[in-house]
N, C-alpha and C. Protein backbone atom coordinates (compact mmCIF):
# COMPACT_ATOMS: atom_id res chain seq x y z
N MET A 1 119.54 94.88 130.40
CA MET A 1 120.16 95.97 129.68
C MET A 1 119.28 96.33 128.49
N THR A 2 119.11 97.61 128.26
CA THR A 2 118.27 98.09 127.18
C THR A 2 118.99 97.93 125.84
N THR A 3 118.25 97.49 124.83
CA THR A 3 118.80 97.36 123.48
C THR A 3 118.70 98.71 122.79
N GLN A 4 119.81 99.17 122.23
CA GLN A 4 119.81 100.45 121.53
C GLN A 4 119.60 100.22 120.04
N ALA A 5 118.82 101.08 119.44
CA ALA A 5 118.60 101.03 118.00
C ALA A 5 119.16 102.30 117.38
N PHE A 6 120.10 102.14 116.46
CA PHE A 6 120.69 103.28 115.79
C PHE A 6 120.08 103.40 114.40
N ASN A 7 119.45 104.52 114.11
CA ASN A 7 118.73 104.70 112.85
C ASN A 7 119.31 105.78 111.96
N LEU A 8 120.51 106.23 112.22
CA LEU A 8 121.12 107.27 111.39
C LEU A 8 121.79 106.64 110.19
N TYR A 9 121.64 107.29 109.05
CA TYR A 9 122.34 106.90 107.82
C TYR A 9 122.08 105.45 107.42
N THR A 10 120.85 105.01 107.57
CA THR A 10 120.53 103.63 107.21
C THR A 10 119.77 103.54 105.90
N ALA A 11 119.62 104.63 105.21
CA ALA A 11 118.87 104.63 103.95
C ALA A 11 119.65 103.92 102.85
N ASN A 12 118.93 103.50 101.81
CA ASN A 12 119.53 102.87 100.64
C ASN A 12 120.58 103.79 100.03
N GLY A 13 120.33 105.05 100.08
CA GLY A 13 121.21 106.06 99.52
C GLY A 13 120.45 107.37 99.47
N TYR A 14 121.11 108.40 99.04
CA TYR A 14 120.48 109.70 98.89
C TYR A 14 120.57 110.12 97.43
N ALA A 15 119.72 111.05 97.04
CA ALA A 15 119.74 111.53 95.66
C ALA A 15 121.13 112.04 95.32
N GLY A 16 121.67 111.56 94.21
CA GLY A 16 122.99 111.96 93.76
C GLY A 16 124.11 111.03 94.18
N ASP A 17 123.80 110.04 95.03
CA ASP A 17 124.82 109.07 95.45
C ASP A 17 125.14 108.11 94.31
N LEU A 18 126.41 107.74 94.22
CA LEU A 18 126.80 106.68 93.29
C LEU A 18 126.27 105.36 93.82
N VAL A 19 125.86 104.49 92.91
CA VAL A 19 125.31 103.19 93.30
C VAL A 19 126.42 102.21 93.64
N ASP A 20 127.47 102.20 92.84
CA ASP A 20 128.57 101.26 93.04
C ASP A 20 129.84 101.85 92.43
N SER A 21 130.87 101.05 92.37
CA SER A 21 132.12 101.54 91.80
C SER A 21 132.32 101.07 90.37
N GLY A 22 131.24 100.73 89.70
CA GLY A 22 131.30 100.28 88.31
C GLY A 22 131.75 101.37 87.37
N PRO A 23 131.99 101.02 86.12
CA PRO A 23 132.46 102.01 85.15
C PRO A 23 131.43 103.12 84.94
N ARG A 24 131.95 104.32 84.74
CA ARG A 24 131.07 105.48 84.54
C ARG A 24 131.85 106.57 83.84
N VAL A 25 131.12 107.48 83.24
CA VAL A 25 131.72 108.66 82.61
C VAL A 25 131.33 109.85 83.47
N ILE A 26 132.35 110.52 84.00
CA ILE A 26 132.10 111.67 84.88
C ILE A 26 132.89 112.87 84.39
N GLN A 27 132.47 114.04 84.80
CA GLN A 27 133.18 115.26 84.49
C GLN A 27 132.80 116.33 85.49
N THR A 28 133.41 117.48 85.37
CA THR A 28 133.12 118.60 86.25
C THR A 28 132.65 119.77 85.41
N GLY A 29 131.67 120.49 85.93
CA GLY A 29 131.18 121.69 85.27
C GLY A 29 131.15 122.84 86.27
N VAL A 30 130.96 124.04 85.77
CA VAL A 30 130.84 125.22 86.63
C VAL A 30 129.39 125.69 86.56
N LEU A 31 128.75 125.74 87.71
CA LEU A 31 127.32 126.07 87.77
C LEU A 31 127.09 127.54 87.41
N THR A 32 126.22 127.76 86.43
CA THR A 32 125.89 129.13 86.02
C THR A 32 124.48 129.53 86.44
N SER A 33 123.67 128.59 86.91
CA SER A 33 122.34 128.93 87.42
C SER A 33 122.45 129.20 88.92
N ALA A 34 121.39 129.68 89.52
CA ALA A 34 121.43 130.13 90.92
C ALA A 34 121.87 129.04 91.90
N SER A 35 121.30 127.86 91.83
CA SER A 35 121.71 126.76 92.71
C SER A 35 121.16 125.47 92.13
N ALA A 36 121.74 124.37 92.55
CA ALA A 36 121.27 123.06 92.08
C ALA A 36 121.53 122.03 93.17
N GLY A 37 120.56 121.16 93.37
CA GLY A 37 120.71 120.11 94.36
C GLY A 37 121.43 118.90 93.79
N PHE A 38 121.51 117.86 94.58
CA PHE A 38 122.13 116.62 94.17
C PHE A 38 121.10 115.74 93.46
N GLY A 39 121.55 115.02 92.44
CA GLY A 39 120.65 114.13 91.72
C GLY A 39 119.67 114.87 90.82
N LYS A 40 120.09 116.00 90.28
CA LYS A 40 119.23 116.82 89.41
C LYS A 40 119.74 116.77 87.97
N ALA A 41 118.82 116.92 87.02
CA ALA A 41 119.17 116.97 85.61
C ALA A 41 119.90 118.27 85.33
N MET A 42 120.98 118.17 84.58
CA MET A 42 121.79 119.33 84.26
C MET A 42 121.95 119.43 82.74
N SER A 43 122.10 120.66 82.26
CA SER A 43 122.29 120.87 80.82
C SER A 43 123.51 121.75 80.61
N ARG A 44 124.03 121.70 79.40
CA ARG A 44 125.13 122.59 79.07
C ARG A 44 124.63 124.01 79.02
N ASP A 45 125.47 124.95 79.45
CA ASP A 45 125.14 126.36 79.34
C ASP A 45 126.03 126.94 78.25
N ALA A 46 125.42 127.38 77.18
CA ALA A 46 126.17 127.88 76.02
C ALA A 46 126.66 129.31 76.23
N GLY A 47 126.68 129.77 77.46
CA GLY A 47 127.13 131.13 77.75
C GLY A 47 128.64 131.27 77.64
N THR A 48 129.19 132.21 78.39
CA THR A 48 130.61 132.54 78.28
C THR A 48 131.49 131.81 79.28
N VAL A 49 130.91 131.06 80.21
CA VAL A 49 131.69 130.36 81.23
C VAL A 49 132.20 129.04 80.65
N ASP A 50 133.51 128.82 80.75
CA ASP A 50 134.10 127.56 80.29
C ASP A 50 133.54 126.42 81.13
N ARG A 51 133.09 125.36 80.47
CA ARG A 51 132.47 124.18 81.10
C ARG A 51 131.21 124.55 81.87
N GLY A 52 130.51 125.60 81.42
CA GLY A 52 129.30 126.05 82.09
C GLY A 52 128.21 124.98 82.08
N ILE A 53 127.52 124.87 83.19
CA ILE A 53 126.45 123.89 83.37
C ILE A 53 125.32 124.59 84.10
N ALA A 54 124.08 124.26 83.74
CA ALA A 54 122.93 124.89 84.37
C ALA A 54 121.92 123.83 84.75
N LEU A 55 121.05 124.19 85.65
CA LEU A 55 119.99 123.29 86.10
C LEU A 55 119.01 123.06 84.96
N ALA A 56 118.81 121.80 84.61
CA ALA A 56 117.83 121.36 83.62
C ALA A 56 117.89 122.15 82.32
N GLY A 57 116.83 122.86 81.97
CA GLY A 57 116.77 123.57 80.70
C GLY A 57 116.26 122.65 79.60
N ALA A 58 116.26 123.14 78.39
CA ALA A 58 115.75 122.36 77.25
C ALA A 58 116.62 121.12 77.03
N LEU A 59 115.95 120.01 76.74
CA LEU A 59 116.66 118.77 76.45
C LEU A 59 116.77 118.62 74.94
N VAL A 60 117.99 118.54 74.44
CA VAL A 60 118.21 118.37 73.00
C VAL A 60 117.97 116.90 72.67
N GLY A 61 116.94 116.64 71.85
CA GLY A 61 116.61 115.26 71.50
C GLY A 61 116.15 114.42 72.67
N GLY A 62 115.68 115.06 73.74
CA GLY A 62 115.22 114.33 74.91
C GLY A 62 116.34 113.82 75.80
N LYS A 63 117.58 114.23 75.53
CA LYS A 63 118.72 113.73 76.30
C LYS A 63 119.11 114.67 77.43
N VAL A 64 119.25 114.10 78.61
CA VAL A 64 119.79 114.82 79.75
C VAL A 64 121.30 114.84 79.57
N HIS A 65 121.92 116.01 79.65
CA HIS A 65 123.37 116.11 79.46
C HIS A 65 124.12 115.37 80.56
N ALA A 66 123.68 115.56 81.82
CA ALA A 66 124.34 114.93 82.96
C ALA A 66 123.42 115.04 84.18
N ILE A 67 123.79 114.35 85.24
CA ILE A 67 123.08 114.44 86.51
C ILE A 67 124.10 114.83 87.58
N SER A 68 123.71 115.78 88.45
CA SER A 68 124.63 116.23 89.50
C SER A 68 124.83 115.13 90.54
N GLN A 69 126.10 114.87 90.86
CA GLN A 69 126.46 113.87 91.86
C GLN A 69 126.56 114.51 93.23
N ARG A 70 126.32 113.72 94.25
CA ARG A 70 126.49 114.18 95.62
C ARG A 70 127.99 114.25 95.93
N GLU A 71 128.38 115.31 96.61
CA GLU A 71 129.75 115.46 97.09
C GLU A 71 129.69 115.64 98.60
N TYR A 72 130.49 114.90 99.30
CA TYR A 72 130.47 114.98 100.75
C TYR A 72 131.32 116.11 101.30
N ASN A 73 131.99 116.86 100.44
CA ASN A 73 132.78 117.99 100.93
C ASN A 73 131.95 119.27 101.03
N HIS A 74 130.67 119.20 100.73
CA HIS A 74 129.78 120.35 100.91
C HIS A 74 129.20 120.28 102.32
N GLU A 75 129.16 121.39 102.96
CA GLU A 75 128.68 121.45 104.34
C GLU A 75 127.16 121.25 104.38
N ALA A 76 126.73 120.39 105.25
CA ALA A 76 125.30 120.15 105.43
C ALA A 76 124.68 121.30 106.20
N GLY A 77 123.41 121.55 105.92
CA GLY A 77 122.70 122.62 106.62
C GLY A 77 122.36 122.26 108.05
N THR A 78 122.20 120.97 108.34
CA THR A 78 121.89 120.49 109.69
C THR A 78 122.72 119.25 109.98
N ARG A 79 122.86 118.94 111.26
CA ARG A 79 123.55 117.70 111.65
C ARG A 79 122.74 117.01 112.72
N PRO A 80 122.48 115.74 112.68
CA PRO A 80 122.82 114.90 111.53
C PRO A 80 122.01 115.31 110.31
N SER A 81 122.62 115.18 109.17
CA SER A 81 121.99 115.62 107.93
C SER A 81 121.01 114.58 107.41
N PRO A 82 119.83 115.01 106.97
CA PRO A 82 118.91 114.07 106.33
C PRO A 82 119.34 113.74 104.90
N GLY A 83 120.40 114.36 104.43
CA GLY A 83 120.93 114.05 103.11
C GLY A 83 120.38 114.88 101.98
N ASN A 84 119.49 115.82 102.27
CA ASN A 84 118.87 116.58 101.18
C ASN A 84 118.94 118.09 101.40
N ASP A 85 119.79 118.54 102.27
CA ASP A 85 119.79 119.96 102.62
C ASP A 85 121.06 120.69 102.19
N THR A 86 121.75 120.16 101.22
CA THR A 86 122.96 120.79 100.72
C THR A 86 122.84 120.95 99.22
N VAL A 87 123.31 122.06 98.69
CA VAL A 87 123.22 122.31 97.25
C VAL A 87 124.52 122.90 96.73
N TYR A 88 124.67 122.83 95.42
CA TYR A 88 125.74 123.55 94.74
C TYR A 88 125.27 124.99 94.55
N LEU A 89 126.16 125.94 94.73
CA LEU A 89 125.83 127.35 94.53
C LEU A 89 126.44 127.85 93.23
N GLU A 90 125.92 128.96 92.73
CA GLU A 90 126.42 129.52 91.48
C GLU A 90 127.92 129.74 91.55
N THR A 91 128.61 129.41 90.48
CA THR A 91 130.06 129.48 90.26
C THR A 91 130.84 128.34 90.92
N GLU A 92 130.18 127.45 91.65
CA GLU A 92 130.88 126.30 92.23
C GLU A 92 131.06 125.22 91.17
N SER A 93 132.08 124.40 91.35
CA SER A 93 132.25 123.27 90.45
C SER A 93 131.27 122.17 90.85
N VAL A 94 130.70 121.53 89.85
CA VAL A 94 129.68 120.51 90.06
C VAL A 94 130.19 119.18 89.52
N SER A 95 130.13 118.14 90.33
CA SER A 95 130.47 116.80 89.86
C SER A 95 129.29 116.26 89.09
N LEU A 96 129.55 115.78 87.88
CA LEU A 96 128.49 115.33 86.99
C LEU A 96 128.74 113.89 86.57
N ILE A 97 127.67 113.12 86.46
CA ILE A 97 127.77 111.80 85.88
C ILE A 97 127.06 111.84 84.53
N ARG A 98 127.77 111.40 83.49
CA ARG A 98 127.20 111.41 82.14
C ARG A 98 126.76 110.02 81.73
N GLN A 99 127.40 108.99 82.30
CA GLN A 99 127.01 107.62 81.99
C GLN A 99 127.32 106.76 83.20
N GLY A 100 126.34 105.95 83.59
CA GLY A 100 126.51 105.05 84.72
C GLY A 100 125.27 105.01 85.58
N TYR A 101 125.42 104.44 86.77
CA TYR A 101 124.30 104.26 87.70
C TYR A 101 124.38 105.27 88.83
N LEU A 102 123.22 105.80 89.20
CA LEU A 102 123.14 106.82 90.24
C LEU A 102 121.79 106.68 90.94
N TYR A 103 121.73 107.11 92.19
CA TYR A 103 120.45 107.19 92.90
C TYR A 103 119.85 108.57 92.68
N ILE A 104 118.56 108.61 92.41
CA ILE A 104 117.82 109.88 92.33
C ILE A 104 116.52 109.72 93.10
N GLU A 105 115.88 110.84 93.42
CA GLU A 105 114.60 110.80 94.12
C GLU A 105 113.47 110.97 93.12
N LEU A 106 112.44 110.13 93.25
CA LEU A 106 111.27 110.24 92.38
C LEU A 106 110.32 111.28 92.95
N THR A 107 110.05 112.32 92.17
CA THR A 107 109.11 113.36 92.58
C THR A 107 107.82 113.20 91.78
N GLY A 108 106.92 114.13 91.93
CA GLY A 108 105.66 114.09 91.17
C GLY A 108 104.59 113.32 91.91
N SER A 109 103.73 112.65 91.13
CA SER A 109 102.59 111.95 91.74
C SER A 109 102.39 110.54 91.20
N THR A 110 103.32 110.03 90.39
CA THR A 110 103.15 108.72 89.77
C THR A 110 104.35 107.83 90.06
N ALA A 111 104.08 106.57 90.41
CA ALA A 111 105.15 105.58 90.64
C ALA A 111 105.80 105.22 89.31
N ILE A 112 106.96 104.59 89.39
CA ILE A 112 107.69 104.19 88.19
C ILE A 112 108.05 102.72 88.28
N SER A 113 108.13 102.06 87.15
CA SER A 113 108.50 100.65 87.08
C SER A 113 109.91 100.50 86.53
N ALA A 114 110.57 99.41 86.87
CA ALA A 114 111.90 99.14 86.33
C ALA A 114 111.81 99.06 84.81
N GLY A 115 112.75 99.68 84.12
CA GLY A 115 112.79 99.69 82.67
C GLY A 115 112.10 100.87 82.03
N ASP A 116 111.34 101.66 82.80
CA ASP A 116 110.67 102.85 82.27
C ASP A 116 111.66 103.98 82.05
N VAL A 117 111.44 104.77 80.99
CA VAL A 117 112.22 106.00 80.85
C VAL A 117 111.71 106.99 81.89
N VAL A 118 112.62 107.78 82.40
CA VAL A 118 112.28 108.74 83.44
C VAL A 118 111.98 110.08 82.79
N HIS A 119 111.03 110.82 83.36
CA HIS A 119 110.70 112.15 82.87
C HIS A 119 111.39 113.18 83.75
N VAL A 120 111.62 114.36 83.19
CA VAL A 120 112.30 115.42 83.94
C VAL A 120 111.55 116.73 83.81
N ASP A 121 111.51 117.47 84.91
CA ASP A 121 110.95 118.83 84.90
C ASP A 121 112.09 119.75 84.48
N VAL A 122 111.97 120.39 83.34
CA VAL A 122 113.07 121.19 82.79
C VAL A 122 113.33 122.49 83.56
N VAL A 123 112.46 122.83 84.50
CA VAL A 123 112.68 124.02 85.32
C VAL A 123 113.42 123.67 86.61
N THR A 124 113.00 122.59 87.28
CA THR A 124 113.58 122.22 88.57
C THR A 124 114.67 121.16 88.47
N GLY A 125 114.72 120.42 87.36
CA GLY A 125 115.70 119.35 87.22
C GLY A 125 115.31 118.08 87.95
N GLU A 126 114.10 118.04 88.51
CA GLU A 126 113.64 116.87 89.26
C GLU A 126 113.12 115.80 88.31
N PHE A 127 113.25 114.55 88.74
CA PHE A 127 112.82 113.41 87.94
C PHE A 127 111.50 112.86 88.44
N SER A 128 110.64 112.46 87.50
CA SER A 128 109.34 111.91 87.84
C SER A 128 108.89 110.95 86.75
N LYS A 129 107.69 110.45 86.91
CA LYS A 129 107.04 109.67 85.85
C LYS A 129 105.69 110.31 85.54
N ASP A 130 105.55 111.60 85.89
CA ASP A 130 104.33 112.34 85.61
C ASP A 130 104.09 112.42 84.11
N THR A 131 102.86 112.71 83.73
CA THR A 131 102.48 112.85 82.34
C THR A 131 103.30 113.94 81.67
N VAL A 132 103.75 113.67 80.46
CA VAL A 132 104.53 114.64 79.69
C VAL A 132 103.59 115.78 79.26
N ALA A 133 103.86 116.96 79.78
CA ALA A 133 103.07 118.16 79.47
C ALA A 133 103.77 119.36 80.12
N GLY A 134 103.66 120.51 79.50
CA GLY A 134 104.25 121.72 80.07
C GLY A 134 105.75 121.58 80.25
N ASP A 135 106.21 121.69 81.50
CA ASP A 135 107.64 121.63 81.81
C ASP A 135 108.16 120.20 81.95
N VAL A 136 107.28 119.20 81.96
CA VAL A 136 107.70 117.80 82.13
C VAL A 136 107.95 117.18 80.76
N VAL A 137 109.18 116.67 80.56
CA VAL A 137 109.62 116.13 79.28
C VAL A 137 110.11 114.71 79.48
N ALA A 138 109.82 113.83 78.53
CA ALA A 138 110.34 112.46 78.59
C ALA A 138 111.81 112.47 78.17
N THR A 139 112.64 111.77 78.91
CA THR A 139 114.04 111.65 78.53
C THR A 139 114.21 110.47 77.59
N THR A 140 115.32 110.43 76.90
CA THR A 140 115.62 109.27 76.05
C THR A 140 116.83 108.52 76.55
N ASN A 141 117.51 109.05 77.57
CA ASN A 141 118.74 108.42 78.03
C ASN A 141 118.82 108.17 79.53
N VAL A 142 117.70 108.32 80.25
CA VAL A 142 117.66 108.02 81.68
C VAL A 142 116.57 106.98 81.92
N VAL A 143 116.98 105.82 82.43
CA VAL A 143 116.07 104.68 82.59
C VAL A 143 116.07 104.21 84.04
N ALA A 144 114.89 103.92 84.58
CA ALA A 144 114.78 103.37 85.94
C ALA A 144 115.29 101.94 85.95
N GLU A 145 116.17 101.63 86.88
CA GLU A 145 116.70 100.28 87.03
C GLU A 145 115.91 99.48 88.06
N GLU A 146 115.06 100.16 88.82
CA GLU A 146 114.22 99.49 89.80
C GLU A 146 112.92 100.29 89.95
N ALA A 147 111.90 99.62 90.44
CA ALA A 147 110.61 100.28 90.66
C ALA A 147 110.71 101.21 91.86
N ALA A 148 109.90 102.26 91.85
CA ALA A 148 109.92 103.21 92.96
C ALA A 148 108.57 103.89 93.10
N LEU A 149 108.26 104.26 94.33
CA LEU A 149 107.08 105.06 94.63
C LEU A 149 107.52 106.51 94.77
N VAL A 150 106.59 107.43 94.69
CA VAL A 150 106.90 108.85 94.83
C VAL A 150 107.59 109.09 96.18
N GLY A 151 108.69 109.81 96.16
CA GLY A 151 109.45 110.09 97.36
C GLY A 151 110.59 109.11 97.61
N ASP A 152 110.59 107.98 96.90
CA ASP A 152 111.65 106.99 97.04
C ASP A 152 112.93 107.44 96.35
N VAL A 153 114.05 107.02 96.89
CA VAL A 153 115.34 107.16 96.23
C VAL A 153 115.59 105.83 95.54
N PHE A 154 115.83 105.87 94.23
CA PHE A 154 115.95 104.63 93.46
C PHE A 154 117.07 104.73 92.43
N LYS A 155 117.45 103.58 91.91
CA LYS A 155 118.59 103.49 91.00
C LYS A 155 118.14 103.73 89.56
N ILE A 156 118.93 104.56 88.86
CA ILE A 156 118.70 104.83 87.44
C ILE A 156 120.00 104.60 86.68
N ARG A 157 119.89 104.55 85.37
CA ARG A 157 121.08 104.53 84.51
C ARG A 157 120.94 105.66 83.52
N ILE A 158 122.02 106.44 83.39
CA ILE A 158 122.08 107.48 82.37
C ILE A 158 123.13 107.06 81.34
N ASP A 159 122.84 107.29 80.07
CA ASP A 159 123.77 106.99 79.00
C ASP A 159 124.07 108.24 78.22
N VAL A 160 125.31 108.37 77.77
CA VAL A 160 125.72 109.53 76.97
C VAL A 160 124.92 109.55 75.68
């Protein structure tokens, strides 16, 4: 009899997934930018929308306001889903984590070590360890909890 190997959904997690059921500070915002993926840096939008939230933007004091959490009630673009093809659209409510552990994807071109502060691209909301310059800013409240290579999904901690 042939041995079957099932390889679907065997990843450590996807960007925006909660790491565990430990204590965390969460809230909901209303997206005012065009779209935002899961596990992206989010900032307050000082516009006219109550609880407005936008993708990245300027970091006040180097602090990321929140990170977008993955929600499984959003329809995937493909099935089986690779876990990265669904986004929040403008005016949708966004689940945000303000404090706690979350998985994010490391972008850019540099690996990261456990304990390093994570950098963020203020235009795309993506996290990296690339050199701080231009749109890449060092955060003061997002720390890598484990080492990761570019393209890896890894655990971080965000603090209010």
